[in-house]
Structures are given as C-alpha cells and as structure tokens.
C-alpha cells in the first residue's frame, strides 16, 4: 500500500444559499467576491499545505467549484443537509491532517492568529482546538482545528440534525470523549462582530476593507486600530446575536 502524505488543510464551508443573506459568499467587497477575500487570507497562513472549498451538489453551487478551480484550490461537493458528512468525505478524499475549519462568512479571518492556533494545536497533541469555547476573539475570527480521527469519530457518532449541520457541536457536548483545547486572547474581544450573516454585517466589512490598501496582509490589530479611529462603524451591526444560525437549528432536532 502506498503511503499517502497527510497535509495541513483548511476546509472552507460555503454555499450560495443563505437564509438570512442569500448569495452573501458572492457579495462584492472592494471589487472582489466575499469568498475571494476568505481564500486570499487563508492562503496567507504559513503552515497550510492545501485549501478546499466544500459546497453542495446543488446547481446553484457549481459556481463555487468553478471559483475554486480558478483560484487554484480544491473544490468538493457533498450533501447539502449533512454538512458534517461533507467535511468527512472531503477530508478523507484529500488526506487532510489536521483539518482547520473556517466558514465562508469570515472575510476578516486573521492568517496570523490561525497560524498561532495551528502551532498551539500541534504542540499539545489535542483532538480539537478552537478559539470559541469560550470565545475571546471577535465573532468572525472563529477557527477550529481537529484531527482526522476526531472528524471520523463525530461523523460516526453524531445523530442530532443540529450536530450534523454545525459539524463540531457534538465535541463540546461530549468533552469527556475528546482532548479539547481553547486558544484564549488576553483581552476579551468577543463582543466585536466581524462575521457576515446579514446585510448590516456586509456593510460593516465593506467599510473596514475600504480603509485598507489593496494587497495588504493584515491581522485583527489593524481592524481594532481602524475601529478606534472610526468608532461609529461599531454601530452598523451591533444588535445581532452571536451564533444565531446554530440557535435556530436546535429547533429542528429530532
């Protein structure tokens, strides 16, 4: 049997449908689609060896597979309703190890922070690491890293609809089954909202990008600096609850 080399892999979960902001992954920010900004920032993470967009088999999402090809990353289509299985099948297919999960609504994802979290994960032999249990970074810098074995375990064991849709929630509900680490910031910045889930979020991110020179590689401190100089920007999307989608999907569990 040939030895298949394992690769440090980012899986970007993306689809064109969105209940709260349809087509958001293709919404324009500084002349480029939102998903381009996510990919561009992920490409700046030092240790990452491969990147894949994982989307659905729906016709509407073929555009994302074309986009992946054009941007020289992997495109993978799986089941629409079972996002966990989509991650598992893709990771298995491309020998991903470990897996870094980033969602496509995070165009301000910080490549320097993700690299720090990768190193923290690798040094401590964890099954799963995130910066959201509890969150101390802005919403929109969410990063999760886990082994393929961990992904396989949750793909086999998780049964609830919400756990299949939100991929890793089974882990936090079963802490005794996994070695879990949390990457914590010294200041709690979790009240900042930099994710894109609604039109006001998109407006906020457009405003941030308008203040940054094209092709600048920047981390979250640059965004904090912009907000310090333009505090009115915080008012654009300040009234939205974190993890709204997950809270909604709990209602569909059976």
C-alpha atoms as a PDB file:
ATOM      1  CA  UNK A   1       0.000   0.000   0.000  1.00  0.00           C
ATOM      2  CA  UNK A   2       1.394   3.399  -0.956  1.00  0.00           C
ATOM      3  CA  UNK A   3       1.912   5.903   1.819  1.00  0.00           C
ATOM      4  CA  UNK A   4      -0.293   8.941   1.275  1.00  0.00           C
ATOM      5  CA  UNK A   5       1.167  12.118   2.646  1.00  0.00           C
ATOM      6  CA  UNK A   6      -1.093  13.910   5.110  1.00  0.00           C
ATOM      7  CA  UNK A   7      -1.489  17.638   4.542  1.00  0.00           C
ATOM      8  CA  UNK A   8      -2.376  20.503   6.890  1.00  0.00           C
ATOM      9  CA  UNK A   9      -5.648  21.517   5.290  1.00  0.00           C
ATOM     10  CA  UNK A  10      -8.161  24.336   5.520  1.00  0.00           C
ATOM     11  CA  UNK A  11     -11.746  23.380   4.708  1.00  0.00           C
ATOM     12  CA  UNK A  12     -13.884  26.403   3.849  1.00  0.00           C
ATOM     13  CA  UNK A  13     -17.564  25.607   4.159  1.00  0.00           C
ATOM     14  CA  UNK A  14     -19.530  27.575   1.538  1.00  0.00           C
ATOM     15  CA  UNK A  15     -22.824  27.671  -0.322  1.00  0.00           C
ATOM     16  CA  UNK A  16     -24.642  30.325  -2.314  1.00  0.00           C
ATOM     17  CA  UNK A  17     -27.910  29.839  -0.419  1.00  0.00           C
ATOM     18  CA  UNK A  18     -28.269  31.601   2.927  1.00  0.00           C
ATOM     19  CA  UNK A  19     -31.492  32.092   4.871  1.00  0.00           C
ATOM     20  CA  UNK A  20     -30.567  35.491   6.217  1.00  0.00           C
ATOM     21  CA  UNK A  21     -28.437  36.886   3.385  1.00  0.00           C
ATOM     22  CA  UNK A  22     -28.827  34.936   0.115  1.00  0.00           C
ATOM     23  CA  UNK A  23     -25.787  34.959  -2.163  1.00  0.00           C
ATOM     24  CA  UNK A  24     -23.562  36.514   0.506  1.00  0.00           C
ATOM     25  CA  UNK A  25     -20.482  34.493  -0.489  1.00  0.00           C
ATOM     26  CA  UNK A  26     -20.523  36.261  -3.865  1.00  0.00           C
ATOM     27  CA  UNK A  27     -21.320  39.735  -2.479  1.00  0.00           C
ATOM     28  CA  UNK A  28     -18.778  42.280  -3.612  1.00  0.00           C
ATOM     29  CA  UNK A  29     -16.193  43.813  -1.288  1.00  0.00           C
ATOM     30  CA  UNK A  30     -13.705  46.173  -2.934  1.00  0.00           C
ATOM     31  CA  UNK A  31     -14.470  44.707  -6.364  1.00  0.00           C
ATOM     32  CA  UNK A  32     -13.993  41.048  -5.364  1.00  0.00           C
ATOM     33  CA  UNK A  33     -16.500  38.462  -4.087  1.00  0.00           C
ATOM     34  CA  UNK A  34     -16.554  37.863  -0.344  1.00  0.00           C
ATOM     35  CA  UNK A  35     -15.347  34.250  -0.809  1.00  0.00           C
ATOM     36  CA  UNK A  36     -12.253  35.567  -2.643  1.00  0.00           C
ATOM     37  CA  UNK A  37     -11.285  37.543   0.470  1.00  0.00           C
ATOM     38  CA  UNK A  38     -11.685  34.440   2.664  1.00  0.00           C
ATOM     39  CA  UNK A  39      -9.488  32.364   0.319  1.00  0.00           C
ATOM     40  CA  UNK A  40      -6.941  35.158  -0.096  1.00  0.00           C
ATOM     41  CA  UNK A  41      -6.494  35.458   3.668  1.00  0.00           C
ATOM     42  CA  UNK A  42      -6.371  31.692   4.193  1.00  0.00           C
ATOM     43  CA  UNK A  43      -3.597  31.480   1.553  1.00  0.00           C
ATOM     44  CA  UNK A  44      -1.506  33.698   3.867  1.00  0.00           C
ATOM     45  CA  UNK A  45      -1.489  31.135   6.714  1.00  0.00           C
ATOM     46  CA  UNK A  46       2.111  29.950   6.828  1.00  0.00           C
ATOM     47  CA  UNK A  47       1.712  26.236   7.664  1.00  0.00           C
ATOM     48  CA  UNK A  48      -1.258  25.453   5.426  1.00  0.00           C
ATOM     49  CA  UNK A  49      -0.489  22.968   2.637  1.00  0.00           C
ATOM     50  CA  UNK A  50      -3.852  22.712   0.932  1.00  0.00           C
ATOM     51  CA  UNK A  51      -7.182  24.542   0.852  1.00  0.00           C
ATOM     52  CA  UNK A  52     -10.584  23.213  -0.181  1.00  0.00           C
ATOM     53  CA  UNK A  53     -13.982  24.816  -0.630  1.00  0.00           C
ATOM     54  CA  UNK A  54     -16.635  22.349   0.412  1.00  0.00           C
ATOM     55  CA  UNK A  55     -20.024  23.077  -1.031  1.00  0.00           C
ATOM     56  CA  UNK A  56     -23.193  21.215  -2.049  1.00  0.00           C
ATOM     57  CA  UNK A  57     -24.198  19.240  -5.146  1.00  0.00           C
ATOM     58  CA  UNK A  58     -26.863  21.825  -5.981  1.00  0.00           C
ATOM     59  CA  UNK A  59     -26.674  23.516  -9.396  1.00  0.00           C
ATOM     60  CA  UNK A  60     -26.546  26.929  -7.718  1.00  0.00           C
ATOM     61  CA  UNK A  61     -23.274  25.973  -6.025  1.00  0.00           C
ATOM     62  CA  UNK A  62     -21.399  24.874  -9.174  1.00  0.00           C
ATOM     63  CA  UNK A  63     -20.177  28.456  -9.382  1.00  0.00           C
ATOM     64  CA  UNK A  64     -18.181  27.829  -6.178  1.00  0.00           C
ATOM     65  CA  UNK A  65     -16.485  24.765  -7.690  1.00  0.00           C
ATOM     66  CA  UNK A  66     -15.525  26.893 -10.717  1.00  0.00           C
ATOM     67  CA  UNK A  67     -14.299  29.579  -8.361  1.00  0.00           C
ATOM     68  CA  UNK A  68     -12.123  27.047  -6.506  1.00  0.00           C
ATOM     69  CA  UNK A  69     -10.561  25.900  -9.772  1.00  0.00           C
ATOM     70  CA  UNK A  70      -9.903  29.452 -10.910  1.00  0.00           C
ATOM     71  CA  UNK A  71      -8.204  30.209  -7.588  1.00  0.00           C
ATOM     72  CA  UNK A  72      -6.132  27.010  -7.714  1.00  0.00           C
ATOM     73  CA  UNK A  73      -7.622  25.366  -4.668  1.00  0.00           C
ATOM     74  CA  UNK A  74      -9.672  22.171  -4.282  1.00  0.00           C
ATOM     75  CA  UNK A  75     -13.433  22.187  -4.855  1.00  0.00           C
ATOM     76  CA  UNK A  76     -15.584  19.481  -3.266  1.00  0.00           C
ATOM     77  CA  UNK A  77     -19.366  18.974  -3.459  1.00  0.00           C
ATOM     78  CA  UNK A  78     -21.293  16.902  -0.926  1.00  0.00           C
ATOM     79  CA  UNK A  79     -24.689  16.547   0.726  1.00  0.00           C
ATOM     80  CA  UNK A  80     -26.500  19.820   1.371  1.00  0.00           C
ATOM     81  CA  UNK A  81     -28.205  18.878   4.633  1.00  0.00           C
ATOM     82  CA  UNK A  82     -25.363  16.818   6.159  1.00  0.00           C
ATOM     83  CA  UNK A  83     -22.515  19.311   6.480  1.00  0.00           C
ATOM     84  CA  UNK A  84     -20.614  17.023   8.853  1.00  0.00           C
ATOM     85  CA  UNK A  85     -20.540  14.230   6.269  1.00  0.00           C
ATOM     86  CA  UNK A  86     -19.415  16.769   3.653  1.00  0.00           C
ATOM     87  CA  UNK A  87     -16.396  17.652   5.805  1.00  0.00           C
ATOM     88  CA  UNK A  88     -15.656  13.975   6.477  1.00  0.00           C
ATOM     89  CA  UNK A  89     -15.855  12.836   2.844  1.00  0.00           C
ATOM     90  CA  UNK A  90     -13.724  15.729   1.622  1.00  0.00           C
ATOM     91  CA  UNK A  91     -11.074  15.299   4.341  1.00  0.00           C
ATOM     92  CA  UNK A  92     -10.884  11.558   3.628  1.00  0.00           C
ATOM     93  CA  UNK A  93     -10.591  12.221  -0.096  1.00  0.00           C
ATOM     94  CA  UNK A  94      -7.691  14.680   0.149  1.00  0.00           C
ATOM     95  CA  UNK A  95      -5.741  13.202   3.120  1.00  0.00           C
ATOM     96  CA  UNK A  96      -6.365  16.218   5.343  1.00  0.00           C
ATOM     97  CA  UNK A  97      -4.493  16.095   8.667  1.00  0.00           C
ATOM     98  CA  UNK A  98      -5.071  18.119  10.709  1.00  0.00           C
ATOM     99  CA  UNK A  99      -8.183  19.894   9.488  1.00  0.00           C
ATOM    100  CA  UNK A 100      -8.685  23.613  10.005  1.00  0.00           C
ATOM    101  CA  UNK A 101     -12.337  24.549   9.670  1.00  0.00           C
ATOM    102  CA  UNK A 102     -13.219  28.067   8.602  1.00  0.00           C
ATOM    103  CA  UNK A 103     -16.610  29.194   7.353  1.00  0.00           C
ATOM    104  CA  UNK A 104     -17.133  31.342   4.271  1.00  0.00           C
ATOM    105  CA  UNK A 105     -18.774  34.183   6.212  1.00  0.00           C
ATOM    106  CA  UNK A 106     -15.415  35.276   7.692  1.00  0.00           C
ATOM    107  CA  UNK A 107     -13.707  37.612   5.192  1.00  0.00           C
ATOM    108  CA  UNK A 108     -11.665  39.179   8.016  1.00  0.00           C
ATOM    109  CA  UNK A 109     -10.229  35.849   9.237  1.00  0.00           C
ATOM    110  CA  UNK A 110      -6.748  36.551  10.625  1.00  0.00           C
ATOM    111  CA  UNK A 111      -3.985  34.435   8.999  1.00  0.00           C
ATOM    112  CA  UNK A 112      -1.521  35.239  11.809  1.00  0.00           C
ATOM    113  CA  UNK A 113      -3.984  34.189  14.503  1.00  0.00           C
ATOM    114  CA  UNK A 114      -4.852  30.961  12.660  1.00  0.00           C
ATOM    115  CA  UNK A 115      -1.130  30.135  12.421  1.00  0.00           C
ATOM    116  CA  UNK A 116      -0.764  30.657  16.182  1.00  0.00           C
ATOM    117  CA  UNK A 117      -3.701  28.313  16.801  1.00  0.00           C
ATOM    118  CA  UNK A 118      -2.207  25.672  14.457  1.00  0.00           C
ATOM    119  CA  UNK A 119       1.065  25.748  16.416  1.00  0.00           C
ATOM    120  CA  UNK A 120      -0.838  25.533  19.736  1.00  0.00           C
ATOM    121  CA  UNK A 121      -2.743  22.508  18.391  1.00  0.00           C
ATOM    122  CA  UNK A 122       0.369  20.725  17.092  1.00  0.00           C
ATOM    123  CA  UNK A 123       2.444  21.271  20.247  1.00  0.00           C
ATOM    124  CA  UNK A 124      -0.179  19.982  22.662  1.00  0.00           C
ATOM    125  CA  UNK A 125      -1.439  16.839  20.982  1.00  0.00           C
ATOM    126  CA  UNK A 126      -5.114  17.855  21.160  1.00  0.00           C
ATOM    127  CA  UNK A 127      -8.019  16.159  19.398  1.00  0.00           C
ATOM    128  CA  UNK A 128      -9.745  19.516  18.929  1.00  0.00           C
ATOM    129  CA  UNK A 129      -8.812  23.145  19.440  1.00  0.00           C
ATOM    130  CA  UNK A 130     -10.847  26.269  18.839  1.00  0.00           C
ATOM    131  CA  UNK A 131     -10.923  29.889  19.921  1.00  0.00           C
ATOM    132  CA  UNK A 132     -14.651  29.794  20.708  1.00  0.00           C
ATOM    133  CA  UNK A 133     -15.019  27.611  23.832  1.00  0.00           C
ATOM    134  CA  UNK A 134     -15.476  30.201  25.264  1.00  0.00           C
ATOM    135  CA  UNK A 135     -14.949  32.952  22.665  1.00  0.00           C
ATOM    136  CA  UNK A 136     -12.464  35.733  23.477  1.00  0.00           C
ATOM    137  CA  UNK A 137     -11.850  36.874  19.883  1.00  0.00           C
ATOM    138  CA  UNK A 138     -14.248  38.829  17.650  1.00  0.00           C
ATOM    139  CA  UNK A 139     -17.061  36.856  16.016  1.00  0.00           C
ATOM    140  CA  UNK A 140     -15.681  36.306  12.511  1.00  0.00           C
ATOM    141  CA  UNK A 141     -12.227  35.095  13.579  1.00  0.00           C
ATOM    142  CA  UNK A 142     -13.593  31.673  14.567  1.00  0.00           C
ATOM    143  CA  UNK A 143     -11.074  28.906  13.955  1.00  0.00           C
ATOM    144  CA  UNK A 144     -11.379  25.194  14.711  1.00  0.00           C
ATOM    145  CA  UNK A 145      -8.657  22.576  14.268  1.00  0.00           C
ATOM    146  CA  UNK A 146      -9.055  18.838  14.713  1.00  0.00           C
ATOM    147  CA  UNK A 147      -7.506  15.522  13.743  1.00  0.00           C
ATOM    148  CA  UNK A 148      -8.982  13.342  11.028  1.00  0.00           C
ATOM    149  CA  UNK A 149      -9.663  10.696  13.675  1.00  0.00           C
ATOM    150  CA  UNK A 150     -11.762  13.231  15.623  1.00  0.00           C
ATOM    151  CA  UNK A 151     -13.727  14.123  12.488  1.00  0.00           C
ATOM    152  CA  UNK A 152     -14.299  10.446  11.734  1.00  0.00           C
ATOM    153  CA  UNK A 153     -15.499   9.813  15.292  1.00  0.00           C
ATOM    154  CA  UNK A 154     -18.065  12.631  15.232  1.00  0.00           C
ATOM    155  CA  UNK A 155     -19.172  11.693  11.695  1.00  0.00           C
ATOM    156  CA  UNK A 156     -19.967   8.184  13.014  1.00  0.00           C
ATOM    157  CA  UNK A 157     -21.459   9.165  16.378  1.00  0.00           C
ATOM    158  CA  UNK A 158     -23.347  12.474  15.984  1.00  0.00           C
ATOM    159  CA  UNK A 159     -27.046  11.906  15.328  1.00  0.00           C
ATOM    160  CA  UNK A 160     -28.836  15.208  16.009  1.00  0.00           C
ATOM    161  CA  UNK A 161     -29.739  17.353  12.991  1.00  0.00           C
ATOM    162  CA  UNK A 162     -28.061  20.401  14.542  1.00  0.00           C
ATOM    163  CA  UNK A 163     -24.839  18.432  15.147  1.00  0.00           C
ATOM    164  CA  UNK A 164     -24.799  17.234  11.510  1.00  0.00           C
ATOM    165  CA  UNK A 165     -25.380  20.807  10.303  1.00  0.00           C
ATOM    166  CA  UNK A 166     -22.914  22.596  12.592  1.00  0.00           C
ATOM    167  CA  UNK A 167     -20.183  19.936  12.330  1.00  0.00           C
ATOM    168  CA  UNK A 168     -18.323  20.234  15.654  1.00  0.00           C
ATOM    169  CA  UNK A 169     -21.042  20.920  18.254  1.00  0.00           C
ATOM    170  CA  UNK A 170     -21.008  17.222  19.225  1.00  0.00           C
ATOM    171  CA  UNK A 171     -17.446  17.714  20.534  1.00  0.00           C
ATOM    172  CA  UNK A 172     -18.297  20.480  23.006  1.00  0.00           C
ATOM    173  CA  UNK A 173     -21.294  18.450  24.241  1.00  0.00           C
ATOM    174  CA  UNK A 174     -19.078  15.396  24.893  1.00  0.00           C
ATOM    175  CA  UNK A 175     -15.898  16.832  26.435  1.00  0.00           C
ATOM    176  CA  UNK A 176     -15.031  13.519  28.128  1.00  0.00           C
ATOM    177  CA  UNK A 177     -14.591  11.845  24.714  1.00  0.00           C
ATOM    178  CA  UNK A 178     -12.013  14.321  23.345  1.00  0.00           C
ATOM    179  CA  UNK A 179      -8.866  16.151  24.406  1.00  0.00           C
ATOM    180  CA  UNK A 180     -10.058  19.740  23.886  1.00  0.00           C
ATOM    181  CA  UNK A 181      -8.045  22.947  23.942  1.00  0.00           C
ATOM    182  CA  UNK A 182      -9.161  26.569  23.745  1.00  0.00           C
ATOM    183  CA  UNK A 183      -6.964  29.349  22.393  1.00  0.00           C
ATOM    184  CA  UNK A 184      -7.694  32.395  24.517  1.00  0.00           C
ATOM    185  CA  UNK A 185      -6.926  36.064  23.987  1.00  0.00           C
ATOM    186  CA  UNK A 186      -5.625  38.109  26.927  1.00  0.00           C
ATOM    187  CA  UNK A 187      -8.391  40.690  26.341  1.00  0.00           C
ATOM    188  CA  UNK A 188     -11.931  39.508  25.783  1.00  0.00           C
ATOM    189  CA  UNK A 189     -12.931  40.912  22.367  1.00  0.00           C
ATOM    190  CA  UNK A 190     -15.887  38.570  21.817  1.00  0.00           C
ATOM    191  CA  UNK A 191     -18.390  41.461  21.754  1.00  0.00           C
ATOM    192  CA  UNK A 192     -16.983  42.591  18.364  1.00  0.00           C
ATOM    193  CA  UNK A 193     -18.903  41.307  15.355  1.00  0.00           C
ATOM    194  CA  UNK A 194     -16.873  40.823  12.150  1.00  0.00           C
ATOM    195  CA  UNK A 195     -18.741  37.907  10.583  1.00  0.00           C
ATOM    196  CA  UNK A 196     -21.154  38.332   7.644  1.00  0.00           C
ATOM    197  CA  UNK A 197     -24.619  36.976   8.279  1.00  0.00           C
ATOM    198  CA  UNK A 198     -26.822  39.961   7.471  1.00  0.00           C
ATOM    199  CA  UNK A 199     -26.744  42.993   5.193  1.00  0.00           C
ATOM    200  CA  UNK A 200     -25.547  45.226   8.051  1.00  0.00           C
ATOM    201  CA  UNK A 201     -22.592  42.873   8.596  1.00  0.00           C
ATOM    202  CA  UNK A 202     -21.709  43.118   4.926  1.00  0.00           C
ATOM    203  CA  UNK A 203     -21.832  46.905   5.166  1.00  0.00           C
ATOM    204  CA  UNK A 204     -19.510  46.796   8.188  1.00  0.00           C
ATOM    205  CA  UNK A 205     -16.932  44.597   6.411  1.00  0.00           C
ATOM    206  CA  UNK A 206     -17.075  46.799   3.293  1.00  0.00           C
ATOM    207  CA  UNK A 207     -16.311  49.810   5.467  1.00  0.00           C
ATOM    208  CA  UNK A 208     -13.310  48.042   7.040  1.00  0.00           C
ATOM    209  CA  UNK A 209     -11.903  46.969   3.670  1.00  0.00           C
ATOM    210  CA  UNK A 210     -12.365  50.464   2.269  1.00  0.00           C
ATOM    211  CA  UNK A 211      -9.849  51.669   4.884  1.00  0.00           C
ATOM    212  CA  UNK A 212      -7.179  49.127   3.922  1.00  0.00           C
ATOM    213  CA  UNK A 213      -4.829  49.366   0.952  1.00  0.00           C
ATOM    214  CA  UNK A 214      -5.322  46.536  -1.583  1.00  0.00           C
ATOM    215  CA  UNK A 215      -2.996  43.529  -1.156  1.00  0.00           C
ATOM    216  CA  UNK A 216      -2.151  44.449   2.429  1.00  0.00           C
ATOM    217  CA  UNK A 217      -1.645  41.452   4.690  1.00  0.00           C
ATOM    218  CA  UNK A 218      -3.253  42.471   7.984  1.00  0.00           C
ATOM    219  CA  UNK A 219      -4.217  40.921  11.281  1.00  0.00           C
ATOM    220  CA  UNK A 220      -7.003  41.745  13.729  1.00  0.00           C
ATOM    221  CA  UNK A 221      -5.000  44.514  15.418  1.00  0.00           C
ATOM    222  CA  UNK A 222      -5.255  46.543  12.207  1.00  0.00           C
ATOM    223  CA  UNK A 223      -9.062  46.258  12.370  1.00  0.00           C
ATOM    224  CA  UNK A 224      -9.064  47.312  16.031  1.00  0.00           C
ATOM    225  CA  UNK A 225      -6.989  50.343  15.045  1.00  0.00           C
ATOM    226  CA  UNK A 226      -9.497  51.269  12.303  1.00  0.00           C
ATOM    227  CA  UNK A 227     -12.353  50.949  14.822  1.00  0.00           C
ATOM    228  CA  UNK A 228     -10.506  53.060  17.363  1.00  0.00           C
ATOM    229  CA  UNK A 229     -10.209  55.822  14.756  1.00  0.00           C
ATOM    230  CA  UNK A 230     -13.779  55.299  13.438  1.00  0.00           C
ATOM    231  CA  UNK A 231     -15.870  54.235  16.454  1.00  0.00           C
ATOM    232  CA  UNK A 232     -19.131  54.999  14.600  1.00  0.00           C
ATOM    233  CA  UNK A 233     -18.547  51.861  12.474  1.00  0.00           C
ATOM    234  CA  UNK A 234     -19.355  49.709  15.503  1.00  0.00           C
ATOM    235  CA  UNK A 235     -22.959  50.899  15.389  1.00  0.00           C
ATOM    236  CA  UNK A 236     -23.573  49.372  11.935  1.00  0.00           C
ATOM    237  CA  UNK A 237     -24.166  45.804  13.156  1.00  0.00           C
ATOM    238  CA  UNK A 238     -24.114  45.966  16.953  1.00  0.00           C
ATOM    239  CA  UNK A 239     -27.543  44.443  17.637  1.00  0.00           C
ATOM    240  CA  UNK A 240     -27.130  40.910  16.301  1.00  0.00           C
ATOM    241  CA  UNK A 241     -26.825  37.809  18.467  1.00  0.00           C
ATOM    242  CA  UNK A 242     -23.760  35.560  18.147  1.00  0.00           C
ATOM    243  CA  UNK A 243     -24.410  32.020  16.786  1.00  0.00           C
ATOM    244  CA  UNK A 244     -27.905  32.909  15.590  1.00  0.00           C
ATOM    245  CA  UNK A 245     -27.878  30.093  12.998  1.00  0.00           C
ATOM    246  CA  UNK A 246     -26.990  27.380  15.499  1.00  0.00           C
ATOM    247  CA  UNK A 247     -29.610  28.531  17.986  1.00  0.00           C
ATOM    248  CA  UNK A 248     -32.202  28.408  15.198  1.00  0.00           C
ATOM    249  CA  UNK A 249     -31.181  24.899  14.072  1.00  0.00           C
ATOM    250  CA  UNK A 250     -31.627  23.458  17.597  1.00  0.00           C
ATOM    251  CA  UNK A 251     -35.352  23.805  16.967  1.00  0.00           C
ATOM    252  CA  UNK A 252     -35.085  21.229  14.145  1.00  0.00           C
ATOM    253  CA  UNK A 253     -33.542  18.490  16.288  1.00  0.00           C
ATOM    254  CA  UNK A 254     -35.472  15.258  16.444  1.00  0.00           C
END
